[in-house]
Amino acid sequence: MKAVRALPVLLTVLVVAVGACIPLFASAALDRQLEHETKRWEDTSVSLVLSQEGDFFQTLELFRSDHSQVELSEGEAMNAEKAQEAARYAAALLALGIPMEEEPSVVPMLFASSGAPVSSGIFWCCTWGEKDKQAQLWIDDQSGRMVALESPISPSEVYASDSPFHEAAFNVLEYCQTQYPIDSLDYEISQDAAGDETAASTEDAVSVSKTGRFAQYLVTLSRTVDGRTESCPVPMMIDGEQLFFNL
């Protein structure tokens, strides 16, 4: 009689126990399914449809505008060897003082703009040196041209240490003039000497600080298309012994 009375209780306990385990079983099954799906995704070659139109002004603007970045396993038009070759060529023209025997590390990155219409492109991040003294060039996957630069620069052999001018800046301007698909190039230069009581202003509106080199350049690239002049402003900056372009 007692066994008969205990049977419903045991069945109830069993049902409750099974019900409590169902979410665990479902979660484990879902984890296994997602694991397999992730593996299939990694093993599948993904084809990216880029909205890049080959307009170099848009390429420069894409790099410095608000965007998201995704590291890729490979480029589209270039492989790692070609990216290294393009980076070495650009570094030689820019006279950055990078040891040419040292191969840069190269990583392809997909950039997608945040605003509409969405544009995208692939850029190779090419890096020499260690963190304390590192040079970094960004190479456009389609054209092989340098689109951005961050690099240490050696003390100027021509200009004083408090001058906004430096040979490295003019090397970048010459690179743009000769390597970019443009008709002309102009630049404006200014120097922020805020907080420096020894600063003075020249007739060219360039404030010269006695404490160190800091200058901001606005490089304007121009081209003529169908009788119209199109311009693309690109920022460049010297901060101490560091040069930044299109960043």
Protein backbone atom coordinates (compact mmCIF):
# COMPACT_ATOMS: atom_id res chain seq x y z
CA MET A 1 0.00 0.00 0.00
CA LYS A 2 2.84 2.33 0.89
CA ALA A 3 4.51 1.50 -2.44
CA VAL A 4 1.35 2.46 -4.30
CA ARG A 5 1.18 5.77 -2.46
CA ALA A 6 4.87 6.50 -3.10
CA LEU A 7 4.63 5.83 -6.83
CA PRO A 8 2.91 9.16 -7.75
CA VAL A 9 5.45 11.03 -5.67
CA LEU A 10 8.34 9.30 -7.42
CA LEU A 11 6.81 9.99 -10.83
CA THR A 12 6.38 13.66 -9.92
CA VAL A 13 10.00 13.91 -8.81
CA LEU A 14 11.14 12.20 -12.02
CA VAL A 15 9.12 14.59 -14.20
CA VAL A 16 10.51 17.62 -12.36
CA ALA A 17 14.07 16.31 -12.67
CA VAL A 18 13.68 15.65 -16.40
CA GLY A 19 12.14 19.10 -16.88
CA ALA A 20 15.05 20.73 -15.09
CA CYS A 21 17.55 18.93 -17.33
CA ILE A 22 15.85 19.79 -20.62
CA PRO A 23 17.38 23.33 -20.83
CA LEU A 24 20.83 21.87 -20.18
CA PHE A 25 20.38 19.26 -22.93
CA ALA A 26 19.08 21.93 -25.33
CA SER A 27 21.96 24.29 -24.53
CA ALA A 28 24.56 21.55 -25.05
CA ALA A 29 22.97 20.56 -28.36
CA LEU A 30 22.94 24.20 -29.51
CA ASP A 31 26.58 24.64 -28.52
CA ARG A 32 27.55 21.59 -30.55
CA GLN A 33 25.59 22.89 -33.53
CA LEU A 34 27.16 26.35 -33.35
CA GLU A 35 30.61 24.81 -32.98
CA HIS A 36 30.12 22.88 -36.21
CA GLU A 37 28.75 25.96 -37.98
CA THR A 38 31.74 28.02 -36.83
CA LYS A 39 34.11 25.38 -38.12
CA ARG A 40 32.38 25.30 -41.49
CA TRP A 41 32.60 29.11 -41.65
CA GLU A 42 36.33 29.06 -40.95
CA ASP A 43 36.92 26.37 -43.53
CA THR A 44 34.95 28.15 -46.24
CA SER A 45 36.53 30.73 -48.52
CA VAL A 46 34.45 33.90 -48.17
CA SER A 47 34.07 36.16 -51.19
CA LEU A 48 33.74 39.86 -50.30
CA VAL A 49 31.94 42.19 -52.67
CA LEU A 50 33.61 45.58 -52.30
CA SER A 51 32.03 48.87 -53.25
CA GLN A 52 35.43 50.29 -54.12
CA GLU A 53 35.26 52.15 -57.43
CA GLY A 54 38.92 52.87 -57.94
CA ASP A 55 38.57 56.60 -57.17
CA PHE A 56 41.75 57.45 -55.32
CA PHE A 57 40.36 60.58 -53.67
CA GLN A 58 37.56 58.47 -52.20
CA THR A 59 40.15 55.93 -51.08
CA LEU A 60 42.08 58.59 -49.15
CA GLU A 61 38.86 59.91 -47.63
CA LEU A 62 37.70 56.41 -46.63
CA PHE A 63 40.88 55.81 -44.67
CA ARG A 64 40.60 58.91 -42.48
CA SER A 65 36.79 58.95 -42.11
CA ASP A 66 34.74 57.10 -39.49
CA HIS A 67 34.92 53.43 -40.36
CA SER A 68 35.08 49.91 -39.03
CA GLN A 69 38.03 47.57 -39.54
CA VAL A 70 38.18 43.81 -39.99
CA GLU A 71 41.43 41.87 -40.27
CA LEU A 72 41.54 39.62 -43.32
CA SER A 73 43.55 36.52 -44.07
CA GLU A 74 44.46 37.80 -47.54
CA GLY A 75 44.06 40.78 -49.83
CA GLU A 76 42.21 41.00 -53.11
CA ALA A 77 44.60 42.52 -55.65
CA MET A 78 47.81 41.97 -53.67
CA ASN A 79 49.30 39.17 -51.63
CA ALA A 80 51.67 39.60 -48.68
CA GLU A 81 54.79 39.51 -50.87
CA LYS A 82 53.49 42.24 -53.19
CA ALA A 83 52.40 44.33 -50.20
CA GLN A 84 55.91 44.12 -48.73
CA GLU A 85 57.39 45.13 -52.07
CA ALA A 86 55.03 48.13 -52.34
CA ALA A 87 55.84 49.16 -48.76
CA ARG A 88 59.60 48.98 -49.35
CA TYR A 89 59.24 51.03 -52.54
CA ALA A 90 57.21 53.72 -50.77
CA ALA A 91 59.60 53.80 -47.80
CA ALA A 92 62.56 54.28 -50.15
CA LEU A 93 60.86 57.20 -51.93
CA LEU A 94 59.88 58.76 -48.61
CA ALA A 95 63.46 58.38 -47.32
CA LEU A 96 62.26 57.31 -43.90
CA GLY A 97 65.56 55.76 -42.91
CA ILE A 98 63.99 52.34 -42.57
CA PRO A 99 66.49 49.47 -42.96
CA MET A 100 65.61 48.00 -46.35
CA GLU A 101 67.02 44.61 -45.34
CA GLU A 102 64.29 44.35 -42.70
CA GLU A 103 61.01 42.96 -44.02
CA PRO A 104 57.91 44.73 -42.74
CA SER A 105 55.13 42.75 -41.15
CA VAL A 106 52.02 43.10 -43.32
CA VAL A 107 48.36 42.60 -42.40
CA PRO A 108 45.41 43.18 -44.77
CA MET A 109 42.51 45.10 -43.25
CA LEU A 110 39.02 45.65 -44.63
CA PHE A 111 37.70 49.18 -44.05
CA ALA A 112 33.96 49.92 -44.29
CA SER A 113 32.68 53.47 -43.92
CA SER A 114 30.16 54.22 -41.20
CA GLY A 115 27.98 56.64 -43.16
CA ALA A 116 25.83 56.27 -46.25
CA PRO A 117 26.52 55.49 -48.99
CA VAL A 118 28.75 52.75 -47.64
CA SER A 119 32.16 52.45 -49.27
CA SER A 120 34.83 49.89 -48.53
CA GLY A 121 38.39 49.04 -49.37
CA ILE A 122 41.32 46.88 -48.37
CA PHE A 123 44.48 48.40 -46.91
CA TRP A 124 47.70 46.68 -45.88
CA CYS A 125 49.17 47.72 -42.55
CA CYS A 126 52.96 47.49 -43.01
CA THR A 127 55.05 47.83 -39.86
CA TRP A 128 58.78 48.08 -39.17
CA GLY A 129 60.54 48.18 -35.82
CA GLU A 130 59.43 47.90 -32.22
CA LYS A 131 56.79 49.84 -30.32
CA ASP A 132 59.19 52.46 -28.97
CA LYS A 133 60.41 53.32 -32.48
CA GLN A 134 57.96 51.97 -35.00
CA ALA A 135 57.23 53.02 -38.57
CA GLN A 136 53.88 52.17 -40.09
CA LEU A 137 52.77 52.55 -43.70
CA TRP A 138 49.28 51.83 -45.01
CA ILE A 139 49.20 50.57 -48.59
CA ASP A 140 46.08 50.59 -50.78
CA ASP A 141 45.42 47.04 -51.99
CA GLN A 142 44.13 48.18 -55.39
CA SER A 143 46.79 50.71 -56.40
CA GLY A 144 49.79 49.77 -54.24
CA ARG A 145 50.15 53.41 -53.16
CA MET A 146 50.81 54.68 -49.66
CA VAL A 147 47.62 56.23 -48.24
CA ALA A 148 48.70 56.90 -44.64
CA LEU A 149 51.90 57.09 -42.64
CA GLU A 150 53.14 57.24 -39.08
CA SER A 151 56.90 57.24 -38.66
CA PRO A 152 59.70 58.57 -36.46
CA ILE A 153 61.93 61.09 -38.20
CA SER A 154 65.56 61.84 -37.51
CA PRO A 155 66.71 65.32 -36.46
CA SER A 156 66.65 67.71 -39.40
CA GLU A 157 69.94 68.35 -41.16
CA VAL A 158 68.63 71.57 -42.73
CA TYR A 159 66.09 73.18 -40.41
CA ALA A 160 66.36 74.18 -36.75
CA SER A 161 64.70 71.98 -34.15
CA ASP A 162 62.06 74.65 -33.46
CA SER A 163 61.18 75.08 -37.14
CA PRO A 164 57.90 73.71 -38.49
CA PHE A 165 59.77 72.55 -41.58
CA HIS A 166 61.49 69.20 -41.97
CA GLU A 167 62.85 67.28 -44.95
CA ALA A 168 60.54 64.35 -44.19
CA ALA A 169 57.46 66.52 -44.75
CA PHE A 170 58.70 67.62 -48.15
CA ASN A 171 59.51 64.01 -49.04
CA VAL A 172 55.85 63.16 -48.41
CA LEU A 173 54.75 66.10 -50.56
CA GLU A 174 57.04 64.95 -53.36
CA TYR A 175 55.69 61.40 -53.06
CA CYS A 176 52.13 62.70 -53.43
CA GLN A 177 53.11 64.84 -56.40
CA THR A 178 54.81 62.01 -58.28
CA GLN A 179 52.86 58.91 -57.21
CA TYR A 180 49.26 60.09 -56.85
CA PRO A 181 46.94 60.55 -59.87
CA ILE A 182 46.77 64.35 -59.47
CA ASP A 183 47.50 67.44 -61.53
CA SER A 184 48.71 69.74 -58.78
CA LEU A 185 49.44 69.96 -55.07
CA ASP A 186 49.32 72.86 -52.62
CA TYR A 187 49.81 73.02 -48.87
CA GLU A 188 49.21 75.34 -45.96
CA ILE A 189 51.18 75.14 -42.75
CA SER A 190 50.51 76.34 -39.23
CA GLN A 191 52.08 75.69 -35.87
CA ASP A 192 50.35 75.74 -32.51
CA ALA A 193 52.53 77.49 -29.97
CA ALA A 194 49.88 77.78 -27.27
CA GLY A 195 51.36 77.86 -23.79
CA ASP A 196 54.82 78.74 -25.03
CA GLU A 197 55.75 82.23 -23.86
CA THR A 198 58.75 82.33 -26.18
CA ALA A 199 56.69 81.82 -29.31
CA ALA A 200 56.78 84.36 -32.10
CA SER A 201 54.76 84.85 -35.28
CA THR A 202 56.23 85.26 -38.73
CA GLU A 203 54.78 87.19 -41.64
CA ASP A 204 53.59 83.90 -43.10
CA ALA A 205 51.37 83.28 -40.05
CA VAL A 206 53.60 80.46 -38.86
CA SER A 207 54.07 80.55 -35.10
CA VAL A 208 57.53 79.33 -34.14
CA SER A 209 57.98 77.68 -30.77
CA LYS A 210 61.38 77.60 -29.14
CA THR A 211 60.66 74.35 -27.33
CA GLY A 212 60.35 71.91 -30.21
CA ARG A 213 58.96 71.17 -33.64
CA PHE A 214 55.20 70.96 -34.04
CA ALA A 215 53.46 71.77 -37.31
CA GLN A 216 50.18 70.98 -38.97
CA TYR A 217 50.00 70.83 -42.74
CA LEU A 218 46.88 70.83 -44.89
CA VAL A 219 47.83 69.22 -48.19
CA THR A 220 45.37 69.92 -51.01
CA LEU A 221 45.47 67.48 -53.93
CA SER A 222 43.82 68.67 -57.15
CA ARG A 223 42.87 67.09 -60.45
CA THR A 224 40.85 68.09 -63.50
CA VAL A 225 37.97 65.82 -64.53
CA ASP A 226 35.78 66.73 -67.53
CA GLY A 227 36.91 70.33 -67.33
CA ARG A 228 36.17 70.60 -63.59
CA THR A 229 38.73 70.87 -60.82
CA GLU A 230 38.30 68.42 -57.96
CA SER A 231 40.18 68.77 -54.68
CA CYS A 232 41.01 66.44 -51.82
CA PRO A 233 42.39 67.88 -48.55
CA VAL A 234 44.73 65.58 -46.62
CA PRO A 235 46.13 66.33 -43.14
CA MET A 236 49.79 65.94 -42.21
CA MET A 237 51.44 66.69 -38.88
CA ILE A 238 54.91 66.80 -37.36
CA ASP A 239 54.93 66.36 -33.60
CA GLY A 240 58.44 66.41 -32.19
CA GLU A 241 60.28 63.66 -34.05
CA GLN A 242 57.15 61.91 -35.30
CA LEU A 243 55.43 62.37 -38.67
CA PHE A 244 51.75 61.62 -39.35
CA PHE A 245 50.05 61.66 -42.75
CA ASN A 246 46.32 61.19 -43.42
CA LEU A 247 45.73 60.09 -39.84
